[in-house]
Amino acid sequence: MLIEEPVRLASVLAPSKEKYFPSLTKIVGTLGPKSRSVETIEACLVAGMSVARFDFSCLNAEYHQETLENLRSAVNNVKKLCAVS
C-alpha cells in the first residue's frame, strides 16, 4: 500500500534543477464563466498562471465561491501555488 505524504511548501518552492532560475514574471488570469472549470484552471496553472483574478463587479457571491473552490481543487491537483487577487 502506498501512502501519499502531504506536499510540503518547501518542496514545491525548491527548484527541480540545480542551475534553474525561476521566472520573476507573474501571469495574471481572470477567472470567468469560460475559465472557471477545474480542468481549465489546471491547464492555466500548467501554462504558467501564478495569480488568479476575480472580478467582483458582476455576478453574485455564490458564483465566486464556487470558482474559488474550483481554483483550490486545481491547485491541489497540479501542486502549484497560485495567488488570488
PDB file of N, CA and C in Angstrom:
ATOM      1  N   MET A   1       0.844  -1.174   0.000  1.00  0.00           N
ATOM      2  CA  MET A   1       0.000   0.000   0.000  1.00  0.00           C
ATOM      3  C   MET A   1       0.893   1.242   0.000  1.00  0.00           C
ATOM      4  N   LEU A   2       0.596   2.163  -0.872  1.00  0.00           N
ATOM      5  CA  LEU A   2       1.366   3.389  -0.999  1.00  0.00           C
ATOM      6  C   LEU A   2       0.681   4.488  -0.211  1.00  0.00           C
ATOM      7  N   ILE A   3       1.422   5.112   0.690  1.00  0.00           N
ATOM      8  CA  ILE A   3       0.888   6.209   1.488  1.00  0.00           C
ATOM      9  C   ILE A   3       1.440   7.502   0.919  1.00  0.00           C
ATOM     10  N   GLU A   4       0.529   8.372   0.489  1.00  0.00           N
ATOM     11  CA  GLU A   4       0.956   9.643  -0.080  1.00  0.00           C
ATOM     12  C   GLU A   4       1.109  10.658   1.043  1.00  0.00           C
ATOM     13  N   GLU A   5       2.305  11.243   1.129  1.00  0.00           N
ATOM     14  CA  GLU A   5       2.557  12.254   2.147  1.00  0.00           C
ATOM     15  C   GLU A   5       2.066  13.604   1.654  1.00  0.00           C
ATOM     16  N   PRO A   6       1.677  14.483   2.567  1.00  0.00           N
ATOM     17  CA  PRO A   6       1.266  15.815   2.131  1.00  0.00           C
ATOM     18  C   PRO A   6       2.441  16.572   1.518  1.00  0.00           C
ATOM     19  N   VAL A   7       2.120  17.443   0.573  1.00  0.00           N
ATOM     20  CA  VAL A   7       3.157  18.228  -0.086  1.00  0.00           C
ATOM     21  C   VAL A   7       3.610  19.331   0.861  1.00  0.00           C
ATOM     22  N   ARG A   8       4.885  19.417   1.061  1.00  0.00           N
ATOM     23  CA  ARG A   8       5.461  20.452   1.909  1.00  0.00           C
ATOM     24  C   ARG A   8       5.735  21.690   1.065  1.00  0.00           C
ATOM     25  N   LEU A   9       5.501  22.859   1.631  1.00  0.00           N
ATOM     26  CA  LEU A   9       5.698  24.109   0.916  1.00  0.00           C
ATOM     27  C   LEU A   9       7.128  24.236   0.428  1.00  0.00           C
ATOM     28  N   ALA A  10       8.075  23.819   1.221  1.00  0.00           N
ATOM     29  CA  ALA A  10       9.484  23.920   0.840  1.00  0.00           C
ATOM     30  C   ALA A  10       9.785  23.070  -0.398  1.00  0.00           C
ATOM     31  N   SER A  11       9.145  21.918  -0.518  1.00  0.00           N
ATOM     32  CA  SER A  11       9.410  21.063  -1.675  1.00  0.00           C
ATOM     33  C   SER A  11       8.811  21.643  -2.948  1.00  0.00           C
ATOM     34  N   VAL A  12       7.710  22.375  -2.839  1.00  0.00           N
ATOM     35  CA  VAL A  12       7.098  22.990  -4.012  1.00  0.00           C
ATOM     36  C   VAL A  12       7.933  24.170  -4.485  1.00  0.00           C
ATOM     37  N   LEU A  13       8.506  24.917  -3.540  1.00  0.00           N
ATOM     38  CA  LEU A  13       9.260  26.110  -3.881  1.00  0.00           C
ATOM     39  C   LEU A  13      10.707  25.821  -4.263  1.00  0.00           C
ATOM     40  N   ALA A  14      11.203  24.633  -3.953  1.00  0.00           N
ATOM     41  CA  ALA A  14      12.590  24.290  -4.279  1.00  0.00           C
ATOM     42  C   ALA A  14      12.721  24.033  -5.777  1.00  0.00           C
ATOM     43  N   PRO A  15      13.750  24.571  -6.411  1.00  0.00           N
ATOM     44  CA  PRO A  15      13.940  24.335  -7.848  1.00  0.00           C
ATOM     45  C   PRO A  15      14.225  22.862  -8.124  1.00  0.00           C
ATOM     46  N   SER A  16      13.720  22.372  -9.245  1.00  0.00           N
ATOM     47  CA  SER A  16      13.914  20.964  -9.583  1.00  0.00           C
ATOM     48  C   SER A  16      15.290  20.703 -10.195  1.00  0.00           C
ATOM     49  N   LYS A  17      15.926  21.745 -10.741  1.00  0.00           N
ATOM     50  CA  LYS A  17      17.257  21.609 -11.318  1.00  0.00           C
ATOM     51  C   LYS A  17      18.217  22.515 -10.558  1.00  0.00           C
ATOM     52  N   GLU A  18      19.476  22.114 -10.516  1.00  0.00           N
ATOM     53  CA  GLU A  18      20.457  22.894  -9.762  1.00  0.00           C
ATOM     54  C   GLU A  18      20.667  24.283 -10.335  1.00  0.00           C
ATOM     55  N   LYS A  19      20.735  24.416 -11.650  1.00  0.00           N
ATOM     56  CA  LYS A  19      21.011  25.704 -12.273  1.00  0.00           C
ATOM     57  C   LYS A  19      19.738  26.363 -12.788  1.00  0.00           C
ATOM     58  N   TYR A  20      18.660  26.097 -12.167  1.00  0.00           N
ATOM     59  CA  TYR A  20      17.370  26.629 -12.593  1.00  0.00           C
ATOM     60  C   TYR A  20      17.104  27.966 -11.910  1.00  0.00           C
ATOM     61  N   PHE A  21      16.809  28.989 -12.701  1.00  0.00           N
ATOM     62  CA  PHE A  21      16.455  30.293 -12.169  1.00  0.00           C
ATOM     63  C   PHE A  21      14.966  30.514 -12.412  1.00  0.00           C
ATOM     64  N   PRO A  22      14.172  30.599 -11.350  1.00  0.00           N
ATOM     65  CA  PRO A  22      12.729  30.771 -11.550  1.00  0.00           C
ATOM     66  C   PRO A  22      12.424  32.127 -12.183  1.00  0.00           C
ATOM     67  N   SER A  23      11.396  32.148 -12.976  1.00  0.00           N
ATOM     68  CA  SER A  23      10.981  33.380 -13.636  1.00  0.00           C
ATOM     69  C   SER A  23      10.378  34.339 -12.616  1.00  0.00           C
ATOM     70  N   LEU A  24      10.729  35.596 -12.733  1.00  0.00           N
ATOM     71  CA  LEU A  24      10.148  36.604 -11.857  1.00  0.00           C
ATOM     72  C   LEU A  24       8.883  37.191 -12.462  1.00  0.00           C
ATOM     73  N   THR A  25       8.544  36.788 -13.667  1.00  0.00           N
ATOM     74  CA  THR A  25       7.346  37.260 -14.335  1.00  0.00           C
ATOM     75  C   THR A  25       6.130  36.548 -13.767  1.00  0.00           C
ATOM     76  N   LYS A  26       5.101  37.306 -13.487  1.00  0.00           N
ATOM     77  CA  LYS A  26       3.850  36.735 -12.992  1.00  0.00           C
ATOM     78  C   LYS A  26       2.801  36.812 -14.085  1.00  0.00           C
ATOM     79  N   ILE A  27       2.044  35.764 -14.262  1.00  0.00           N
ATOM     80  CA  ILE A  27       0.963  35.747 -15.231  1.00  0.00           C
ATOM     81  C   ILE A  27      -0.341  35.800 -14.449  1.00  0.00           C
ATOM     82  N   VAL A  28      -1.130  36.837 -14.706  1.00  0.00           N
ATOM     83  CA  VAL A  28      -2.406  37.039 -14.019  1.00  0.00           C
ATOM     84  C   VAL A  28      -3.518  36.604 -14.956  1.00  0.00           C
ATOM     85  N   GLY A  29      -4.364  35.706 -14.482  1.00  0.00           N
ATOM     86  CA  GLY A  29      -5.503  35.242 -15.269  1.00  0.00           C
ATOM     87  C   GLY A  29      -6.804  35.585 -14.572  1.00  0.00           C
ATOM     88  N   THR A  30      -7.744  36.152 -15.315  1.00  0.00           N
ATOM     89  CA  THR A  30      -9.052  36.459 -14.754  1.00  0.00           C
ATOM     90  C   THR A  30      -9.948  35.252 -14.939  1.00  0.00           C
ATOM     91  N   LEU A  31     -10.515  34.760 -13.850  1.00  0.00           N
ATOM     92  CA  LEU A  31     -11.395  33.601 -13.906  1.00  0.00           C
ATOM     93  C   LEU A  31     -12.826  34.081 -14.123  1.00  0.00           C
ATOM     94  N   GLY A  32     -13.439  33.577 -15.177  1.00  0.00           N
ATOM     95  CA  GLY A  32     -14.796  33.980 -15.524  1.00  0.00           C
ATOM     96  C   GLY A  32     -15.606  32.787 -15.966  1.00  0.00           C
ATOM     97  N   PRO A  33     -16.748  33.026 -16.614  1.00  0.00           N
ATOM     98  CA  PRO A  33     -17.647  31.934 -16.999  1.00  0.00           C
ATOM     99  C   PRO A  33     -17.004  30.871 -17.887  1.00  0.00           C
ATOM    100  N   LYS A  34     -16.091  31.262 -18.773  1.00  0.00           N
ATOM    101  CA  LYS A  34     -15.469  30.291 -19.674  1.00  0.00           C
ATOM    102  C   LYS A  34     -14.175  29.718 -19.129  1.00  0.00           C
ATOM    103  N   SER A  35     -13.723  30.207 -17.990  1.00  0.00           N
ATOM    104  CA  SER A  35     -12.437  29.733 -17.449  1.00  0.00           C
ATOM    105  C   SER A  35     -12.547  29.363 -15.982  1.00  0.00           C
ATOM    106  N   ARG A  36     -13.675  28.847 -15.554  1.00  0.00           N
ATOM    107  CA  ARG A  36     -13.842  28.547 -14.134  1.00  0.00           C
ATOM    108  C   ARG A  36     -13.902  27.054 -13.825  1.00  0.00           C
ATOM    109  N   SER A  37     -13.852  26.201 -14.832  1.00  0.00           N
ATOM    110  CA  SER A  37     -13.873  24.766 -14.553  1.00  0.00           C
ATOM    111  C   SER A  37     -12.509  24.333 -14.012  1.00  0.00           C
ATOM    112  N   VAL A  38     -12.500  23.261 -13.255  1.00  0.00           N
ATOM    113  CA  VAL A  38     -11.264  22.757 -12.654  1.00  0.00           C
ATOM    114  C   VAL A  38     -10.249  22.414 -13.748  1.00  0.00           C
ATOM    115  N   GLU A  39     -10.715  21.776 -14.823  1.00  0.00           N
ATOM    116  CA  GLU A  39      -9.812  21.369 -15.898  1.00  0.00           C
ATOM    117  C   GLU A  39      -9.164  22.581 -16.571  1.00  0.00           C
ATOM    118  N   THR A  40      -9.947  23.621 -16.812  1.00  0.00           N
ATOM    119  CA  THR A  40      -9.419  24.822 -17.460  1.00  0.00           C
ATOM    120  C   THR A  40      -8.423  25.537 -16.555  1.00  0.00           C
ATOM    121  N   ILE A  41      -8.745  25.617 -15.270  1.00  0.00           N
ATOM    122  CA  ILE A  41      -7.838  26.273 -14.327  1.00  0.00           C
ATOM    123  C   ILE A  41      -6.539  25.485 -14.214  1.00  0.00           C
ATOM    124  N   GLU A  42      -6.633  24.155 -14.192  1.00  0.00           N
ATOM    125  CA  GLU A  42      -5.421  23.326 -14.157  1.00  0.00           C
ATOM    126  C   GLU A  42      -4.553  23.601 -15.377  1.00  0.00           C
ATOM    127  N   ALA A  43      -5.165  23.706 -16.551  1.00  0.00           N
ATOM    128  CA  ALA A  43      -4.403  23.985 -17.774  1.00  0.00           C
ATOM    129  C   ALA A  43      -3.729  25.351 -17.688  1.00  0.00           C
ATOM    130  N   CYS A  44      -4.423  26.335 -17.124  1.00  0.00           N
ATOM    131  CA  CYS A  44      -3.829  27.668 -16.960  1.00  0.00           C
ATOM    132  C   CYS A  44      -2.644  27.621 -16.002  1.00  0.00           C
ATOM    133  N   LEU A  45      -2.763  26.875 -14.923  1.00  0.00           N
ATOM    134  CA  LEU A  45      -1.669  26.751 -13.956  1.00  0.00           C
ATOM    135  C   LEU A  45      -0.455  26.085 -14.590  1.00  0.00           C
ATOM    136  N   VAL A  46      -0.685  25.033 -15.347  1.00  0.00           N
ATOM    137  CA  VAL A  46       0.417  24.341 -16.010  1.00  0.00           C
ATOM    138  C   VAL A  46       1.078  25.264 -17.036  1.00  0.00           C
ATOM    139  N   ALA A  47       0.274  26.114 -17.689  1.00  0.00           N
ATOM    140  CA  ALA A  47       0.808  27.045 -18.690  1.00  0.00           C
ATOM    141  C   ALA A  47       1.570  28.202 -18.067  1.00  0.00           C
ATOM    142  N   GLY A  48       1.445  28.393 -16.738  1.00  0.00           N
ATOM    143  CA  GLY A  48       2.236  29.425 -16.084  1.00  0.00           C
ATOM    144  C   GLY A  48       1.480  30.460 -15.291  1.00  0.00           C
ATOM    145  N   MET A  49       0.159  30.354 -15.202  1.00  0.00           N
ATOM    146  CA  MET A  49      -0.600  31.330 -14.416  1.00  0.00           C
ATOM    147  C   MET A  49      -0.149  31.263 -12.960  1.00  0.00           C
ATOM    148  N   SER A  50       0.164  32.425 -12.381  1.00  0.00           N
ATOM    149  CA  SER A  50       0.616  32.451 -10.995  1.00  0.00           C
ATOM    150  C   SER A  50      -0.285  33.305 -10.104  1.00  0.00           C
ATOM    151  N   VAL A  51      -1.216  34.043 -10.710  1.00  0.00           N
ATOM    152  CA  VAL A  51      -2.171  34.855  -9.957  1.00  0.00           C
ATOM    153  C   VAL A  51      -3.541  34.710 -10.605  1.00  0.00           C
ATOM    154  N   ALA A  52      -4.547  34.378  -9.810  1.00  0.00           N
ATOM    155  CA  ALA A  52      -5.921  34.291 -10.292  1.00  0.00           C
ATOM    156  C   ALA A  52      -6.669  35.545  -9.846  1.00  0.00           C
ATOM    157  N   ARG A  53      -7.302  36.208 -10.811  1.00  0.00           N
ATOM    158  CA  ARG A  53      -8.012  37.449 -10.527  1.00  0.00           C
ATOM    159  C   ARG A  53      -9.510  37.200 -10.578  1.00  0.00           C
ATOM    160  N   PHE A  54     -10.224  37.758  -9.618  1.00  0.00           N
ATOM    161  CA  PHE A  54     -11.675  37.689  -9.580  1.00  0.00           C
ATOM    162  C   PHE A  54     -12.231  39.087  -9.823  1.00  0.00           C
ATOM    163  N   ASP A  55     -13.237  39.202 -10.683  1.00  0.00           N
ATOM    164  CA  ASP A  55     -13.884  40.478 -10.954  1.00  0.00           C
ATOM    165  C   ASP A  55     -15.223  40.479 -10.215  1.00  0.00           C
ATOM    166  N   PHE A  56     -15.262  41.164  -9.075  1.00  0.00           N
ATOM    167  CA  PHE A  56     -16.449  41.150  -8.232  1.00  0.00           C
ATOM    168  C   PHE A  56     -17.508  42.164  -8.661  1.00  0.00           C
ATOM    169  N   SER A  57     -17.299  42.841  -9.799  1.00  0.00           N
ATOM    170  CA  SER A  57     -18.273  43.843 -10.226  1.00  0.00           C
ATOM    171  C   SER A  57     -19.524  43.200 -10.832  1.00  0.00           C
ATOM    172  N   CYS A  58     -19.445  41.918 -11.169  1.00  0.00           N
ATOM    173  CA  CYS A  58     -20.627  41.253 -11.709  1.00  0.00           C
ATOM    174  C   CYS A  58     -20.822  39.911 -11.030  1.00  0.00           C
ATOM    175  N   LEU A  59     -21.999  39.370 -11.181  1.00  0.00           N
ATOM    176  CA  LEU A  59     -22.427  38.086 -10.619  1.00  0.00           C
ATOM    177  C   LEU A  59     -22.481  38.143  -9.087  1.00  0.00           C
ATOM    178  N   ASN A  60     -22.860  37.019  -8.482  1.00  0.00           N
ATOM    179  CA  ASN A  60     -23.095  37.022  -7.031  1.00  0.00           C
ATOM    180  C   ASN A  60     -21.988  36.296  -6.274  1.00  0.00           C
ATOM    181  N   ALA A  61     -22.087  36.338  -4.961  1.00  0.00           N
ATOM    182  CA  ALA A  61     -21.047  35.763  -4.100  1.00  0.00           C
ATOM    183  C   ALA A  61     -20.965  34.238  -4.241  1.00  0.00           C
ATOM    184  N   GLU A  62     -22.091  33.571  -4.444  1.00  0.00           N
ATOM    185  CA  GLU A  62     -22.079  32.110  -4.582  1.00  0.00           C
ATOM    186  C   GLU A  62     -21.286  31.683  -5.821  1.00  0.00           C
ATOM    187  N   TYR A  63     -21.443  32.444  -6.895  1.00  0.00           N
ATOM    188  CA  TYR A  63     -20.703  32.168  -8.132  1.00  0.00           C
ATOM    189  C   TYR A  63     -19.197  32.240  -7.880  1.00  0.00           C
ATOM    190  N   HIS A  64     -18.762  33.292  -7.224  1.00  0.00           N
ATOM    191  CA  HIS A  64     -17.336  33.474  -6.965  1.00  0.00           C
ATOM    192  C   HIS A  64     -16.822  32.444  -5.960  1.00  0.00           C
ATOM    193  N   GLN A  65     -17.656  32.017  -5.017  1.00  0.00           N
ATOM    194  CA  GLN A  65     -17.258  30.991  -4.060  1.00  0.00           C
ATOM    195  C   GLN A  65     -17.023  29.658  -4.774  1.00  0.00           C
ATOM    196  N   GLU A  66     -17.886  29.322  -5.717  1.00  0.00           N
ATOM    197  CA  GLU A  66     -17.708  28.092  -6.495  1.00  0.00           C
ATOM    198  C   GLU A  66     -16.421  28.150  -7.320  1.00  0.00           C
ATOM    199  N   THR A  67     -16.152  29.321  -7.903  1.00  0.00           N
ATOM    200  CA  THR A  67     -14.924  29.482  -8.682  1.00  0.00           C
ATOM    201  C   THR A  67     -13.701  29.339  -7.786  1.00  0.00           C
ATOM    202  N   LEU A  68     -13.754  29.888  -6.586  1.00  0.00           N
ATOM    203  CA  LEU A  68     -12.643  29.768  -5.641  1.00  0.00           C
ATOM    204  C   LEU A  68     -12.428  28.313  -5.239  1.00  0.00           C
ATOM    205  N   GLU A  69     -13.502  27.577  -5.029  1.00  0.00           N
ATOM    206  CA  GLU A  69     -13.381  26.159  -4.693  1.00  0.00           C
ATOM    207  C   GLU A  69     -12.774  25.378  -5.858  1.00  0.00           C
ATOM    208  N   ASN A  70     -13.154  25.735  -7.093  1.00  0.00           N
ATOM    209  CA  ASN A  70     -12.550  25.096  -8.270  1.00  0.00           C
ATOM    210  C   ASN A  70     -11.056  25.409  -8.348  1.00  0.00           C
ATOM    211  N   LEU A  71     -10.689  26.646  -8.025  1.00  0.00           N
ATOM    212  CA  LEU A  71      -9.274  27.029  -8.011  1.00  0.00           C
ATOM    213  C   LEU A  71      -8.513  26.220  -6.965  1.00  0.00           C
ATOM    214  N   ARG A  72      -9.075  26.063  -5.796  1.00  0.00           N
ATOM    215  CA  ARG A  72      -8.417  25.269  -4.742  1.00  0.00           C
ATOM    216  C   ARG A  72      -8.202  23.836  -5.200  1.00  0.00           C
ATOM    217  N   SER A  73      -9.212  23.244  -5.840  1.00  0.00           N
ATOM    218  CA  SER A  73      -9.075  21.873  -6.332  1.00  0.00           C
ATOM    219  C   SER A  73      -7.977  21.775  -7.386  1.00  0.00           C
ATOM    220  N   ALA A  74      -7.953  22.744  -8.302  1.00  0.00           N
ATOM    221  CA  ALA A  74      -6.943  22.742  -9.361  1.00  0.00           C
ATOM    222  C   ALA A  74      -5.543  22.902  -8.794  1.00  0.00           C
ATOM    223  N   VAL A  75      -5.383  23.787  -7.809  1.00  0.00           N
ATOM    224  CA  VAL A  75      -4.076  23.993  -7.171  1.00  0.00           C
ATOM    225  C   VAL A  75      -3.612  22.705  -6.499  1.00  0.00           C
ATOM    226  N   ASN A  76      -4.525  22.014  -5.837  1.00  0.00           N
ATOM    227  CA  ASN A  76      -4.166  20.753  -5.172  1.00  0.00           C
ATOM    228  C   ASN A  76      -3.822  19.672  -6.203  1.00  0.00           C
ATOM    229  N   ASN A  77      -4.524  19.639  -7.319  1.00  0.00           N
ATOM    230  CA  ASN A  77      -4.265  18.614  -8.352  1.00  0.00           C
ATOM    231  C   ASN A  77      -2.927  18.853  -9.040  1.00  0.00           C
ATOM    232  N   VAL A  78      -2.624  20.118  -9.349  1.00  0.00           N
ATOM    233  CA  VAL A  78      -1.412  20.449 -10.090  1.00  0.00           C
ATOM    234  C   VAL A  78      -0.218  20.603  -9.160  1.00  0.00           C
ATOM    235  N   LYS A  79      -0.476  20.850  -7.890  1.00  0.00           N
ATOM    236  CA  LYS A  79       0.584  21.050  -6.877  1.00  0.00           C
ATOM    237  C   LYS A  79       1.421  22.282  -7.217  1.00  0.00           C
ATOM    238  N   LYS A  80       0.742  23.371  -7.521  1.00  0.00           N
ATOM    239  CA  LYS A  80       1.414  24.632  -7.836  1.00  0.00           C
ATOM    240  C   LYS A  80       0.705  25.746  -7.079  1.00  0.00           C
ATOM    241  N   LEU A  81       1.486  26.654  -6.508  1.00  0.00           N
ATOM    242  CA  LEU A  81       0.902  27.753  -5.772  1.00  0.00           C
ATOM    243  C   LEU A  81       0.328  28.800  -6.716  1.00  0.00           C
ATOM    244  N   CYS A  82      -0.757  29.459  -6.266  1.00  0.00           N
ATOM    245  CA  CYS A  82      -1.393  30.486  -7.082  1.00  0.00           C
ATOM    246  C   CYS A  82      -1.990  31.527  -6.137  1.00  0.00           C
ATOM    247  N   ALA A  83      -1.600  32.772  -6.316  1.00  0.00           N
ATOM    248  CA  ALA A  83      -2.152  33.858  -5.507  1.00  0.00           C
ATOM    249  C   ALA A  83      -3.539  34.230  -6.037  1.00  0.00           C
ATOM    250  N   VAL A  84      -4.335  34.866  -5.181  1.00  0.00           N
ATOM    251  CA  VAL A  84      -5.670  35.317  -5.555  1.00  0.00           C
ATOM    252  C   VAL A  84      -5.730  36.815  -5.400  1.00  0.00           C
ATOM    253  N   SER A  85      -6.243  37.471  -6.421  1.00  0.00           N
ATOM    254  CA  SER A  85      -6.346  38.921  -6.402  1.00  0.00           C
ATOM    255  C   SER A  85      -7.787  39.325  -6.610  1.00  0.00           C
TER     256      SER A  85
END
